[in-house]
C-alpha cells in the first residue's frame, strides 16, 4: 500500500453496513497498533485505523 492508491475500509472500522472506498492520504507507523492508514472517501469523510481493516481496491 502507498499514498495515492485506493483502499476499502472494513465495516468493522467504519460502523457502516458496507465497505467504504477512499484514497489513501497517509500511512504511518503507530507504536501501539503497527501500521496505520487514513483514507478520504468521495464525500470527503476521513477514516483511519490499523491496516488490518483496509484492503487495496482493484
N, C-alpha and C. Protein backbone atom coordinates (compact mmCIF):
# COMPACT_ATOMS: atom_id res chain seq x y z
N UNK A 1 0.84 -1.17 0.00
CA UNK A 1 0.00 0.00 0.00
C UNK A 1 0.88 1.24 0.00
N UNK A 2 0.41 2.26 -0.73
CA UNK A 2 1.13 3.52 -0.73
C UNK A 2 0.13 4.66 -0.90
N UNK A 3 0.54 5.84 -0.52
CA UNK A 3 -0.32 7.01 -0.62
C UNK A 3 -0.72 7.25 -2.06
N UNK A 4 -1.97 7.66 -2.27
CA UNK A 4 -2.48 7.89 -3.61
C UNK A 4 -3.27 6.72 -4.16
N UNK A 5 -3.05 5.52 -3.64
CA UNK A 5 -3.82 4.35 -4.06
C UNK A 5 -5.20 4.41 -3.41
N UNK A 6 -6.09 3.56 -3.88
CA UNK A 6 -7.42 3.47 -3.30
C UNK A 6 -7.53 2.19 -2.48
N UNK A 7 -8.27 2.28 -1.38
CA UNK A 7 -8.45 1.13 -0.49
C UNK A 7 -9.88 1.13 0.04
N UNK A 8 -10.31 -0.03 0.48
CA UNK A 8 -11.62 -0.18 1.12
C UNK A 8 -11.42 -0.27 2.63
N UNK A 9 -12.24 0.48 3.38
CA UNK A 9 -12.25 0.41 4.83
C UNK A 9 -13.33 -0.57 5.25
N UNK A 10 -12.98 -1.52 6.07
CA UNK A 10 -13.86 -2.57 6.55
C UNK A 10 -15.01 -1.98 7.38
N UNK A 11 -16.23 -2.54 7.26
CA UNK A 11 -17.35 -2.07 8.07
C UNK A 11 -17.11 -2.17 9.58
N UNK A 12 -16.23 -3.06 10.01
CA UNK A 12 -15.90 -3.16 11.44
C UNK A 12 -15.22 -1.88 11.93
N UNK A 13 -14.56 -1.19 11.04
CA UNK A 13 -13.89 0.08 11.39
C UNK A 13 -14.85 1.26 11.26
N UNK A 14 -15.63 1.30 10.19
CA UNK A 14 -16.46 2.46 9.91
C UNK A 14 -17.79 2.45 10.66
N UNK A 15 -18.28 1.27 11.00
CA UNK A 15 -19.59 1.17 11.65
C UNK A 15 -20.74 1.23 10.66
N UNK A 16 -20.43 1.23 9.37
CA UNK A 16 -21.46 1.26 8.33
C UNK A 16 -21.79 -0.16 7.89
N UNK A 17 -22.80 -0.30 7.03
CA UNK A 17 -23.23 -1.63 6.60
C UNK A 17 -22.36 -2.23 5.50
N UNK A 18 -21.58 -1.39 4.79
CA UNK A 18 -20.72 -1.90 3.72
C UNK A 18 -19.38 -1.19 3.73
N UNK A 19 -18.42 -1.74 3.01
CA UNK A 19 -17.07 -1.17 2.95
C UNK A 19 -17.10 0.19 2.25
N UNK A 20 -16.18 1.06 2.65
CA UNK A 20 -16.08 2.40 2.09
C UNK A 20 -14.79 2.49 1.28
N UNK A 21 -14.89 2.97 0.04
CA UNK A 21 -13.72 3.13 -0.81
C UNK A 21 -13.21 4.56 -0.69
N UNK A 22 -11.89 4.69 -0.56
CA UNK A 22 -11.30 6.02 -0.47
C UNK A 22 -9.84 6.02 -0.86
N UNK A 23 -9.32 7.21 -1.08
CA UNK A 23 -7.91 7.39 -1.43
C UNK A 23 -7.06 7.42 -0.17
N UNK A 24 -5.94 6.71 -0.20
CA UNK A 24 -5.05 6.69 0.96
C UNK A 24 -4.34 8.04 1.05
N UNK A 25 -4.55 8.71 2.18
CA UNK A 25 -3.94 10.01 2.41
C UNK A 25 -2.61 9.90 3.12
N UNK A 26 -2.54 9.01 4.10
CA UNK A 26 -1.34 8.93 4.92
C UNK A 26 -1.17 7.51 5.44
N UNK A 27 0.07 7.08 5.49
CA UNK A 27 0.44 5.80 6.10
C UNK A 27 1.53 6.12 7.11
N UNK A 28 1.34 5.63 8.33
CA UNK A 28 2.37 5.89 9.34
C UNK A 28 2.50 4.69 10.26
N UNK A 29 3.63 4.63 10.94
CA UNK A 29 3.87 3.58 11.92
C UNK A 29 3.42 4.08 13.29
N UNK A 30 2.43 3.42 13.83
CA UNK A 30 1.93 3.73 15.16
C UNK A 30 2.58 2.74 16.13
N UNK A 31 3.24 3.21 17.18
CA UNK A 31 3.94 2.29 18.09
C UNK A 31 3.02 1.34 18.86
N UNK A 32 1.73 1.63 18.88
CA UNK A 32 0.79 0.79 19.63
C UNK A 32 0.04 -0.21 18.77
N UNK A 33 -0.30 0.18 17.53
CA UNK A 33 -1.11 -0.72 16.69
C UNK A 33 -0.40 -1.13 15.41
N UNK A 34 0.80 -0.68 15.18
CA UNK A 34 1.52 -1.00 13.95
C UNK A 34 1.20 -0.01 12.86
N UNK A 35 1.10 -0.46 11.63
CA UNK A 35 0.86 0.43 10.50
C UNK A 35 -0.57 0.97 10.56
N UNK A 36 -0.70 2.28 10.40
CA UNK A 36 -1.99 2.96 10.46
C UNK A 36 -2.23 3.70 9.15
N UNK A 37 -3.44 3.61 8.63
CA UNK A 37 -3.81 4.27 7.38
C UNK A 37 -4.90 5.29 7.62
N UNK A 38 -4.93 6.30 6.76
CA UNK A 38 -6.02 7.27 6.73
C UNK A 38 -6.49 7.37 5.28
N UNK A 39 -7.81 7.24 5.06
CA UNK A 39 -8.36 7.37 3.71
C UNK A 39 -9.45 8.44 3.71
N UNK A 40 -9.68 9.04 2.53
CA UNK A 40 -10.77 10.01 2.34
C UNK A 40 -11.71 9.45 1.30
N UNK A 41 -13.01 9.36 1.63
CA UNK A 41 -13.99 8.83 0.68
C UNK A 41 -14.47 9.94 -0.25
N UNK A 42 -15.37 9.61 -1.17
CA UNK A 42 -15.85 10.56 -2.17
C UNK A 42 -16.61 11.73 -1.55
N UNK A 43 -17.16 11.54 -0.36
CA UNK A 43 -17.89 12.62 0.33
C UNK A 43 -16.99 13.51 1.17
N UNK A 44 -15.71 13.17 1.23
CA UNK A 44 -14.76 13.96 2.00
C UNK A 44 -14.54 13.50 3.43
N UNK A 45 -15.24 12.44 3.84
CA UNK A 45 -15.05 11.90 5.19
C UNK A 45 -13.74 11.15 5.26
N UNK A 46 -13.09 11.25 6.40
CA UNK A 46 -11.80 10.58 6.61
C UNK A 46 -11.96 9.46 7.62
N UNK A 47 -11.43 8.30 7.28
CA UNK A 47 -11.43 7.13 8.16
C UNK A 47 -9.98 6.73 8.40
N UNK A 48 -9.67 6.37 9.62
CA UNK A 48 -8.30 5.93 9.90
C UNK A 48 -8.32 4.82 10.93
N UNK A 49 -7.29 3.98 10.87
CA UNK A 49 -7.17 2.87 11.80
C UNK A 49 -6.06 1.94 11.36
N UNK A 50 -5.99 0.82 12.05
CA UNK A 50 -4.97 -0.19 11.77
C UNK A 50 -5.11 -0.71 10.34
N UNK A 51 -4.00 -1.03 9.73
CA UNK A 51 -4.01 -1.51 8.33
C UNK A 51 -4.77 -2.82 8.17
N UNK A 52 -5.01 -3.54 9.26
CA UNK A 52 -5.76 -4.79 9.15
C UNK A 52 -7.22 -4.57 8.74
N UNK A 53 -7.73 -3.34 8.84
CA UNK A 53 -9.09 -3.00 8.47
C UNK A 53 -9.21 -2.48 7.05
N UNK A 54 -8.13 -2.48 6.27
CA UNK A 54 -8.13 -1.95 4.92
C UNK A 54 -7.67 -2.99 3.93
N UNK A 55 -8.26 -2.94 2.74
CA UNK A 55 -7.82 -3.78 1.62
C UNK A 55 -7.67 -2.88 0.39
N UNK A 56 -6.69 -3.18 -0.44
CA UNK A 56 -6.43 -2.39 -1.65
C UNK A 56 -7.57 -2.60 -2.65
N UNK A 57 -8.05 -1.50 -3.24
CA UNK A 57 -9.09 -1.56 -4.27
C UNK A 57 -8.43 -1.90 -5.60
N UNK A 58 -9.10 -2.71 -6.39
CA UNK A 58 -8.57 -3.10 -7.70
C UNK A 58 -9.26 -2.36 -8.80
